[in-house]
Amino acid sequence: MQLTPRMAARATELQAAIPTVVYTSGRRTLQAQAHAMAVNTVMNRNFIRLTYLHAAELQTLVDTHPDATDVLSLQTLLADAMSQLSTDDLNRISRHLTGDAVDLLPMEDANSQPTDVGNQVIAWIQACPDTDKLLLREAGLVKWHWQTKSPDNSTTSANV
């Protein structure tokens, strides 16, 4: 998953504690991040606005291109825009770009409630001293996202 040492260590510890945990993504390239954002934007046109604290310019780009409605056109639009951003700006948008975040297969029942094992995972992550953020929903979509603190031990405001 090409994670930072901190995230890799914590992800390994969680998997050792709860072996049924399944990671669905880790570090992403710029293209992979644009694809993930595009897939979710197709499902919810306001996904970027509702999910990413530091991506207003990307949401504006989506808003000003109402003809971009499929994954490929949105991915191209977003990737082109992100390729013009500085590394610092990109890192503020998503910890997936730094390797400080993973997504997990949600452990929920038919009523969208965490299963018993899902609750154990949530409790473990919340108790982890390196956890910066745990999200179970992103813009109303079922997405389990876990990110650790930035390498300088501070908490930043990157959302996903």
Protein backbone atom coordinates (compact mmCIF):
# COMPACT_ATOMS: atom_id res chain seq x y z
CA MET A 1 0.00 0.00 0.00
CA GLN A 2 3.10 2.23 0.03
CA LEU A 3 2.27 3.84 3.37
CA THR A 4 4.44 6.04 5.53
CA PRO A 5 6.20 4.12 8.31
CA ARG A 6 3.74 5.44 10.92
CA MET A 7 0.60 4.53 8.96
CA ALA A 8 2.07 1.18 7.90
CA ALA A 9 2.92 0.27 11.49
CA ARG A 10 -0.52 1.22 12.77
CA ALA A 11 -2.31 -0.56 9.91
CA THR A 12 -0.28 -3.70 10.62
CA GLU A 13 -1.10 -3.46 14.34
CA LEU A 14 -4.81 -3.11 13.63
CA GLN A 15 -4.77 -6.07 11.28
CA ALA A 16 -2.93 -8.16 13.88
CA ALA A 17 -5.50 -7.20 16.51
CA ILE A 18 -8.49 -7.71 14.20
CA PRO A 19 -7.50 -10.01 11.31
CA THR A 20 -10.74 -9.53 9.39
CA VAL A 21 -9.84 -5.91 8.58
CA VAL A 22 -9.53 -5.39 4.82
CA TYR A 23 -7.74 -2.35 3.45
CA THR A 24 -9.09 -1.12 0.12
CA SER A 25 -6.61 1.67 -0.56
CA GLY A 26 -3.49 3.34 0.76
CA ARG A 27 -1.16 5.81 -0.92
CA ARG A 28 -2.54 7.10 -4.19
CA THR A 29 -0.88 8.64 -7.17
CA LEU A 30 -2.32 11.90 -8.41
CA GLN A 31 -4.17 9.99 -11.15
CA ALA A 32 -5.56 7.47 -8.64
CA GLN A 33 -6.70 10.29 -6.36
CA ALA A 34 -8.38 12.06 -9.27
CA HIS A 35 -10.10 8.78 -10.18
CA ALA A 36 -11.35 8.21 -6.62
CA MET A 37 -12.69 11.75 -6.48
CA ALA A 38 -14.31 11.41 -9.91
CA VAL A 39 -16.08 8.15 -9.04
CA ASN A 40 -17.58 9.73 -5.94
CA THR A 41 -18.41 12.99 -7.74
CA VAL A 42 -20.46 11.03 -10.29
CA MET A 43 -22.53 9.71 -7.36
CA ASN A 44 -22.74 13.10 -5.60
CA ARG A 45 -21.89 16.24 -7.59
CA ASN A 46 -21.04 18.04 -4.31
CA PHE A 47 -18.77 15.26 -3.05
CA ILE A 48 -15.60 17.35 -3.17
CA ARG A 49 -17.25 20.32 -1.42
CA LEU A 50 -18.61 18.08 1.32
CA THR A 51 -15.50 15.96 1.81
CA TYR A 52 -12.31 17.91 1.15
CA LEU A 53 -11.65 20.92 3.34
CA HIS A 54 -8.94 22.35 1.08
CA ALA A 55 -10.25 21.61 -2.39
CA ALA A 56 -12.62 24.47 -3.10
CA GLU A 57 -10.88 25.15 -6.41
CA LEU A 58 -11.55 21.57 -7.49
CA GLN A 59 -15.24 21.82 -6.60
CA THR A 60 -15.43 25.11 -8.51
CA LEU A 61 -13.90 23.35 -11.49
CA VAL A 62 -16.58 20.63 -11.29
CA ASP A 63 -19.30 23.28 -10.91
CA THR A 64 -18.09 25.20 -13.97
CA HIS A 65 -18.01 22.05 -16.11
CA PRO A 66 -21.56 20.67 -15.88
CA ASP A 67 -20.91 18.68 -19.07
CA ALA A 68 -18.30 16.58 -17.23
CA THR A 69 -20.61 13.90 -15.87
CA ASP A 70 -18.72 10.63 -16.35
CA VAL A 71 -15.76 9.28 -14.42
CA LEU A 72 -13.23 9.67 -17.23
CA SER A 73 -14.03 13.31 -17.99
CA LEU A 74 -14.10 14.23 -14.30
CA GLN A 75 -10.88 12.35 -13.63
CA THR A 76 -9.15 14.16 -16.50
CA LEU A 77 -10.45 17.53 -15.31
CA LEU A 78 -9.37 16.92 -11.71
CA ALA A 79 -6.00 15.38 -12.56
CA ASP A 80 -5.13 18.28 -14.86
CA ALA A 81 -6.02 20.78 -12.14
CA MET A 82 -4.19 18.89 -9.40
CA SER A 83 -1.07 18.60 -11.54
CA GLN A 84 -0.83 22.41 -11.34
CA LEU A 85 -0.91 22.47 -7.52
CA SER A 86 2.10 22.54 -5.26
CA THR A 87 3.01 19.48 -3.24
CA ASP A 88 1.95 21.28 -0.06
CA ASP A 89 -1.46 22.11 -1.54
CA LEU A 90 -1.93 18.52 -2.70
CA ASN A 91 -0.97 17.18 0.71
CA ARG A 92 -3.58 19.43 2.32
CA ILE A 93 -6.23 17.98 0.03
CA SER A 94 -5.70 14.29 0.80
CA ARG A 95 -3.50 12.22 3.09
CA HIS A 96 -3.80 9.41 0.55
CA LEU A 97 -1.27 11.35 -1.53
CA THR A 98 1.29 11.17 1.29
CA GLY A 99 0.64 7.59 2.38
CA ASP A 100 -0.76 8.71 5.74
CA ALA A 101 -4.26 7.32 5.04
CA VAL A 102 -6.02 4.07 4.30
CA ASP A 103 -9.55 3.15 3.41
CA LEU A 104 -11.07 0.07 4.97
CA LEU A 105 -13.83 -2.20 3.79
CA PRO A 106 -16.82 -1.02 5.85
CA MET A 107 -18.01 -3.49 8.47
CA GLU A 108 -21.69 -2.66 8.64
CA ASP A 109 -24.94 -4.58 8.84
CA ALA A 110 -27.98 -4.24 6.58
CA ASN A 111 -29.11 -1.22 8.63
CA SER A 112 -25.84 0.64 7.96
CA GLN A 113 -24.71 0.17 11.56
CA PRO A 114 -21.24 -1.11 12.42
CA THR A 115 -21.15 -4.81 13.17
CA ASP A 116 -19.66 -5.99 16.46
CA VAL A 117 -16.30 -6.41 14.75
CA GLY A 118 -16.78 -3.04 13.05
CA ASN A 119 -17.26 -1.45 16.48
CA GLN A 120 -14.04 -3.10 17.64
CA VAL A 121 -12.22 -1.62 14.64
CA ILE A 122 -13.67 1.82 15.34
CA ALA A 123 -12.71 1.63 19.03
CA TRP A 124 -9.18 0.49 18.18
CA ILE A 125 -8.65 3.31 15.68
CA GLN A 126 -10.11 5.93 18.03
CA ALA A 127 -7.79 4.74 20.82
CA CYS A 128 -4.72 4.78 18.57
CA PRO A 129 -2.53 7.73 19.62
CA ASP A 130 -1.46 8.40 16.03
CA THR A 131 -5.00 8.69 14.68
CA ASP A 132 -5.79 12.08 13.22
CA LYS A 133 -9.19 11.27 11.71
CA LEU A 134 -11.63 8.43 11.21
CA LEU A 135 -14.54 8.90 8.83
CA LEU A 136 -17.32 6.37 8.32
CA ARG A 137 -19.16 8.53 5.77
CA GLU A 138 -17.95 10.92 3.12
CA ALA A 139 -20.66 13.17 1.72
CA GLY A 140 -23.24 10.59 2.75
CA LEU A 141 -21.43 7.72 1.00
CA VAL A 142 -20.32 4.72 3.06
CA LYS A 143 -16.54 5.12 3.13
CA TRP A 144 -14.34 4.11 6.07
CA HIS A 145 -11.28 6.37 5.96
CA TRP A 146 -8.52 6.44 8.58
CA GLN A 147 -5.61 8.85 8.59
CA THR A 148 -2.72 9.32 10.96
CA LYS A 149 -1.12 12.52 12.10
CA SER A 150 1.33 14.21 9.80
CA PRO A 151 5.01 13.26 10.12
CA ASP A 152 5.78 16.29 12.28
CA ASN A 153 3.34 14.85 14.88
CA SER A 154 0.87 17.64 14.37
CA THR A 155 -2.68 17.40 13.26
CA THR A 156 -3.44 19.03 9.94
CA SER A 157 -6.75 19.74 8.37
CA ALA A 158 -6.45 17.49 5.34
CA ASN A 159 -9.71 15.66 5.19
CA VAL A 160 -9.20 12.63 3.06
